């Protein structure tokens, strides 16, 4: 079963040894919003997706489940 967007973001964050507060500051979002995204209580908006992809050097296709790999263009 494919991971949700929130699960992918959480895995990326944990792999980078960041807590939600730290990543939230990097992405210019609150810890609460990041928590809601990771728990799939809300979806990230386009600007959030761009910031996440740029920071982690992943493609939006991977994050959105369009492609399996997370190659950065």
Protein backbone atom coordinates (compact mmCIF):
# COMPACT_ATOMS: atom_id res chain seq x y z
CA UNK A 1 0.00 0.00 0.00
CA UNK A 2 1.30 3.43 -0.93
CA UNK A 3 2.12 5.93 1.78
CA UNK A 4 -0.02 9.04 2.14
CA UNK A 5 1.43 12.50 1.59
CA UNK A 6 1.51 13.01 5.34
CA UNK A 7 3.35 9.75 5.94
CA UNK A 8 5.91 10.61 3.27
CA UNK A 9 6.54 14.02 4.82
CA UNK A 10 6.86 12.51 8.28
CA UNK A 11 9.35 9.91 7.01
CA UNK A 12 11.40 12.59 5.25
CA UNK A 13 11.40 14.75 8.38
CA UNK A 14 12.44 11.88 10.64
CA UNK A 15 15.16 10.78 8.19
CA UNK A 16 16.53 14.34 8.37
CA UNK A 17 16.48 14.18 12.20
CA UNK A 18 14.16 17.16 12.46
CA UNK A 19 11.23 17.65 14.80
CA UNK A 20 8.00 19.25 13.64
CA UNK A 21 8.88 22.64 15.11
CA UNK A 22 12.24 22.71 13.32
CA UNK A 23 10.81 21.69 9.95
CA UNK A 24 7.89 24.07 10.39
CA UNK A 25 10.30 26.98 10.79
CA UNK A 26 12.26 25.89 7.73
CA UNK A 27 9.05 25.62 5.67
CA UNK A 28 7.48 28.76 7.19
CA UNK A 29 4.49 26.92 8.67
CA UNK A 30 3.35 26.27 12.20
CA UNK A 31 4.09 23.06 14.05
CA UNK A 32 0.33 22.52 14.33
CA UNK A 33 -0.20 22.72 10.57
CA UNK A 34 2.69 20.33 9.94
CA UNK A 35 1.25 17.95 12.52
CA UNK A 36 -2.16 18.07 10.81
CA UNK A 37 -0.55 17.38 7.43
CA UNK A 38 1.48 14.46 8.79
CA UNK A 39 -1.64 12.99 10.45
CA UNK A 40 -3.63 13.47 7.22
CA UNK A 41 -6.07 15.84 8.92
CA UNK A 42 -5.41 18.42 6.18
CA UNK A 43 -3.68 18.55 2.82
CA UNK A 44 -0.67 20.75 2.10
CA UNK A 45 -1.36 23.63 -0.26
CA UNK A 46 0.64 24.25 -3.44
CA UNK A 47 3.12 26.55 -1.70
CA UNK A 48 3.65 23.96 1.05
CA UNK A 49 4.29 21.24 -1.53
CA UNK A 50 6.80 23.44 -3.35
CA UNK A 51 8.63 24.26 -0.11
CA UNK A 52 8.73 20.59 0.97
CA UNK A 53 9.98 19.43 -2.43
CA UNK A 54 12.63 22.14 -2.59
CA UNK A 55 13.91 21.49 0.93
CA UNK A 56 14.08 17.71 0.62
CA UNK A 57 15.08 17.76 -3.08
CA UNK A 58 12.20 15.50 -4.10
CA UNK A 59 9.75 15.72 -6.98
CA UNK A 60 6.15 16.74 -6.48
CA UNK A 61 5.23 13.64 -8.50
CA UNK A 62 6.70 11.46 -5.76
CA UNK A 63 5.04 13.41 -2.96
CA UNK A 64 1.66 13.31 -4.68
CA UNK A 65 1.92 9.62 -5.54
CA UNK A 66 2.24 10.07 -9.29
CA UNK A 67 5.64 8.35 -9.40
CA UNK A 68 7.29 5.87 -7.06
CA UNK A 69 10.81 7.33 -6.98
CA UNK A 70 11.54 10.73 -5.52
CA UNK A 71 14.02 12.01 -8.06
CA UNK A 72 14.40 15.75 -8.08
CA UNK A 73 14.28 17.25 -11.57
